[in-house]
Amino acid sequence: MAGIFARFKNYGWGFYMICTLLKENYLDKHQNNVAFYAGQMGKIICQGMVDIVIEAALMHDVGKTEIDNKIIFRPGPLDEAEWEVMRLHPLLGASMIMRRVVKISSSKKCKPSTIALAVLHHHERWDGTGYPDGLAGDDIPLIARIIAVADAFDAMTTDRPYRKALSKEDAVKEIISCSGTQFDPNVAEVFTNNKFVLSTV
């Protein structure tokens, strides 16, 4: 499964060089891990949309290519001003997809508007306290709800410069704990009740 950065090769050397700077182990692996987990959930939750789920998951953090590398790769927690910038990445990513700055699958199922909507809302929370629009419950697109669980799980189980990764078992407990507040309870249940969670990706 190709990482998102390979998608930029046809859009100018300067832009590709920026993306190359971002192609560090975490970001590149993260996209693929999230796509794997989201795709496995998609096979259970929405079988006819698996390709769309995977494509959106691969694109979910594409907006980070337009955020300063110093923020992306800061070796510690972000301050509030930096978080304000970081919270722009879903909007930036959705805009990039709609402007065709980044290629998506040529499949008729993978409409740019569908992918962009999932990317835009993958940081919304089930209880309505997420961003960028504070959507809640079923108002959050289903694909975005699936990506939210996959994204959080991979983030928790990945080492960062300022903290060690949780074990997969502890991350599963955290997903369960946040079911119904941060995560769609049905999506969280599918994720935590299936063996693919403990798979090595």
Protein backbone atom coordinates (compact mmCIF):
# COMPACT_ATOMS: atom_id res chain seq x y z
CA MET A 1 0.00 0.00 0.00
CA ALA A 2 1.64 3.27 -1.12
CA GLY A 3 2.06 6.07 1.39
CA ILE A 4 0.52 9.48 0.75
CA PHE A 5 3.84 11.08 -0.17
CA ALA A 6 4.17 9.07 -3.38
CA ARG A 7 0.98 10.79 -4.55
CA PHE A 8 2.78 14.14 -4.98
CA LYS A 9 5.45 13.13 -7.52
CA ASN A 10 3.57 14.62 -10.45
CA TYR A 11 2.91 18.01 -8.85
CA GLY A 12 6.22 19.78 -9.19
CA TRP A 13 9.68 19.16 -7.76
CA GLY A 14 9.51 21.94 -5.18
CA PHE A 15 6.29 20.66 -3.69
CA TYR A 16 7.58 17.10 -3.76
CA MET A 17 10.72 18.20 -1.89
CA ILE A 18 8.54 19.63 0.88
CA CYS A 19 6.71 16.33 1.11
CA THR A 20 10.01 14.47 1.18
CA LEU A 21 11.01 16.46 4.26
CA LEU A 22 7.87 15.16 5.91
CA LYS A 23 8.48 11.58 4.90
CA GLU A 24 9.81 10.46 8.24
CA ASN A 25 9.12 7.05 9.64
CA TYR A 26 6.20 8.07 11.82
CA LEU A 27 4.12 9.93 9.26
CA ASP A 28 4.60 7.47 6.44
CA LYS A 29 3.95 4.42 8.60
CA HIS A 30 1.06 6.12 10.36
CA GLN A 31 -0.90 6.62 7.13
CA ASN A 32 -0.58 2.96 6.24
CA ASN A 33 -1.38 1.71 9.74
CA VAL A 34 -4.52 3.85 9.91
CA ALA A 35 -5.56 2.62 6.46
CA PHE A 36 -5.08 -0.99 7.57
CA TYR A 37 -7.14 -0.65 10.75
CA ALA A 38 -9.81 1.45 9.04
CA GLY A 39 -10.03 -1.01 6.15
CA GLN A 40 -10.50 -3.94 8.50
CA MET A 41 -13.33 -2.11 10.26
CA GLY A 42 -14.81 -1.15 6.91
CA LYS A 43 -15.08 -4.81 5.95
CA ILE A 44 -17.40 -5.29 8.92
CA ILE A 45 -19.25 -1.98 9.13
CA CYS A 46 -19.67 -0.94 5.49
CA GLN A 47 -18.56 -3.68 3.11
CA GLY A 48 -19.44 -1.76 -0.04
CA MET A 49 -17.29 1.20 0.98
CA VAL A 50 -14.01 -0.46 1.95
CA ASP A 51 -12.05 1.10 -0.92
CA ILE A 52 -13.34 4.54 0.03
CA VAL A 53 -12.51 4.00 3.71
CA ILE A 54 -8.94 2.98 2.86
CA GLU A 55 -8.45 5.87 0.45
CA ALA A 56 -9.74 8.41 2.98
CA ALA A 57 -7.57 6.90 5.71
CA LEU A 58 -4.50 7.21 3.50
CA MET A 59 -5.35 10.88 2.97
CA HIS A 60 -6.49 11.79 6.50
CA ASP A 61 -3.34 13.71 7.47
CA VAL A 62 -2.45 15.11 4.05
CA GLY A 63 -3.17 18.62 5.35
CA LYS A 64 -0.10 18.35 7.59
CA THR A 65 2.06 18.84 4.48
CA GLU A 66 0.99 22.50 4.59
CA ILE A 67 1.88 22.97 8.26
CA ASP A 68 5.32 24.13 9.38
CA ASN A 69 7.70 21.22 9.86
CA LYS A 70 8.79 22.69 13.21
CA ILE A 71 5.27 22.06 14.50
CA ILE A 72 4.88 18.66 12.87
CA PHE A 73 8.16 17.34 14.25
CA ARG A 74 8.41 19.25 17.51
CA PRO A 75 10.08 16.93 20.06
CA GLY A 76 7.53 17.63 22.76
CA PRO A 77 3.89 18.58 23.38
CA LEU A 78 2.54 21.52 21.38
CA ASP A 79 1.59 24.77 23.09
CA GLU A 80 -1.88 26.26 22.55
CA ALA A 81 -0.84 28.49 19.64
CA GLU A 82 0.75 25.54 17.88
CA TRP A 83 -2.34 23.44 18.51
CA GLU A 84 -4.44 26.13 16.82
CA VAL A 85 -2.29 25.71 13.73
CA MET A 86 -2.29 21.92 13.94
CA ARG A 87 -6.09 21.86 14.16
CA LEU A 88 -6.20 23.37 10.69
CA HIS A 89 -4.90 20.20 9.05
CA PRO A 90 -8.30 18.55 8.42
CA LEU A 91 -9.54 21.69 6.65
CA LEU A 92 -6.30 22.03 4.69
CA GLY A 93 -6.41 18.37 3.70
CA ALA A 94 -10.01 18.53 2.52
CA SER A 95 -9.20 21.62 0.48
CA MET A 96 -6.19 19.96 -1.12
CA ILE A 97 -8.32 16.99 -2.18
CA MET A 98 -11.04 19.18 -3.65
CA ARG A 99 -8.47 21.32 -5.48
CA ARG A 100 -6.87 18.12 -6.89
CA VAL A 101 -3.50 19.06 -5.37
CA VAL A 102 -3.20 15.44 -4.28
CA LYS A 103 -4.27 12.48 -6.38
CA ILE A 104 -6.86 10.05 -5.16
CA SER A 105 -7.98 6.72 -6.58
CA SER A 106 -9.55 6.81 -10.04
CA SER A 107 -12.30 4.47 -8.81
CA LYS A 108 -15.77 5.87 -9.45
CA LYS A 109 -16.60 5.08 -5.81
CA CYS A 110 -13.83 7.35 -4.50
CA LYS A 111 -15.37 10.72 -5.25
CA PRO A 112 -13.20 13.65 -4.11
CA SER A 113 -16.12 15.13 -2.16
CA THR A 114 -16.61 11.90 -0.18
CA ILE A 115 -12.91 11.57 0.64
CA ALA A 116 -12.65 15.27 1.50
CA LEU A 117 -15.62 15.07 3.87
CA ALA A 118 -14.06 12.17 5.76
CA VAL A 119 -10.72 13.97 5.98
CA LEU A 120 -12.39 17.18 7.15
CA HIS A 121 -14.23 15.49 10.02
CA HIS A 122 -11.86 12.79 11.28
CA HIS A 123 -11.16 14.80 14.46
CA GLU A 124 -14.80 15.30 15.38
CA ARG A 125 -15.93 13.56 18.58
CA TRP A 126 -19.08 11.58 19.22
CA ASP A 127 -20.01 13.98 22.06
CA GLY A 128 -19.66 17.06 19.84
CA THR A 129 -16.49 18.51 21.39
CA GLY A 130 -14.18 17.81 18.45
CA TYR A 131 -13.08 19.97 15.52
CA PRO A 132 -13.40 21.68 13.11
CA ASP A 133 -17.21 21.90 13.24
CA GLY A 134 -18.20 20.34 16.55
CA LEU A 135 -20.37 17.71 14.88
CA ALA A 136 -21.83 15.02 17.15
CA GLY A 137 -23.15 11.49 16.84
CA ASP A 138 -24.45 10.37 13.48
CA ASP A 139 -23.93 13.85 12.04
CA ILE A 140 -20.26 12.88 11.75
CA PRO A 141 -19.68 11.02 8.46
CA LEU A 142 -19.32 7.28 9.07
CA ILE A 143 -15.95 7.07 7.34
CA ALA A 144 -14.63 9.86 9.55
CA ARG A 145 -15.85 7.98 12.64
CA ILE A 146 -13.99 4.87 11.50
CA ILE A 147 -10.80 6.80 10.80
CA ALA A 148 -11.03 8.51 14.20
CA VAL A 149 -10.71 5.19 16.03
CA ALA A 150 -7.94 3.88 13.76
CA ASP A 151 -6.03 7.16 14.00
CA ALA A 152 -6.21 7.34 17.79
CA PHE A 153 -5.20 3.71 18.24
CA ASP A 154 -2.15 4.02 16.01
CA ALA A 155 -1.12 7.29 17.66
CA MET A 156 -1.36 5.73 21.12
CA THR A 157 0.70 2.69 20.11
CA THR A 158 3.49 4.67 18.46
CA ASP A 159 6.53 6.10 20.26
CA ARG A 160 6.83 9.88 20.29
CA PRO A 161 9.92 11.90 21.30
CA TYR A 162 8.16 12.96 24.51
CA ARG A 163 6.39 9.71 25.47
CA LYS A 164 6.58 5.97 25.04
CA ALA A 165 3.91 4.08 23.15
CA LEU A 166 1.14 2.30 24.98
CA SER A 167 0.86 -1.44 24.54
CA LYS A 168 -1.89 -2.47 22.14
CA GLU A 169 -3.76 -3.96 25.07
CA ASP A 170 -3.70 -0.68 26.99
CA ALA A 171 -4.67 1.27 23.87
CA VAL A 172 -7.68 -1.02 23.43
CA LYS A 173 -8.71 -0.23 27.02
CA GLU A 174 -8.44 3.48 26.20
CA ILE A 175 -10.64 3.10 23.12
CA ILE A 176 -13.23 1.30 25.26
CA SER A 177 -12.99 4.01 27.93
CA CYS A 178 -13.63 6.74 25.34
CA SER A 179 -16.47 4.91 23.60
CA GLY A 180 -19.56 7.11 23.59
CA THR A 181 -17.60 10.29 24.28
CA GLN A 182 -14.74 10.53 21.79
CA PHE A 183 -15.72 7.57 19.62
CA ASP A 184 -18.85 6.17 18.02
CA PRO A 185 -19.67 3.28 20.39
CA ASN A 186 -20.57 0.94 17.53
CA VAL A 187 -17.30 1.60 15.71
CA ALA A 188 -15.32 1.26 18.93
CA GLU A 189 -17.00 -2.06 19.65
CA VAL A 190 -16.18 -3.44 16.20
CA PHE A 191 -12.58 -2.35 16.59
CA THR A 192 -11.99 -3.70 20.08
CA ASN A 193 -13.81 -7.00 19.54
CA ASN A 194 -11.76 -8.13 16.55
CA LYS A 195 -8.38 -9.86 16.41
CA PHE A 196 -7.01 -7.57 13.70
CA VAL A 197 -6.44 -4.99 16.44
CA LEU A 198 -3.47 -6.99 17.69
CA SER A 199 -2.09 -7.58 14.20
CA THR A 200 1.34 -6.29 13.31
CA VAL A 201 1.07 -3.77 10.49
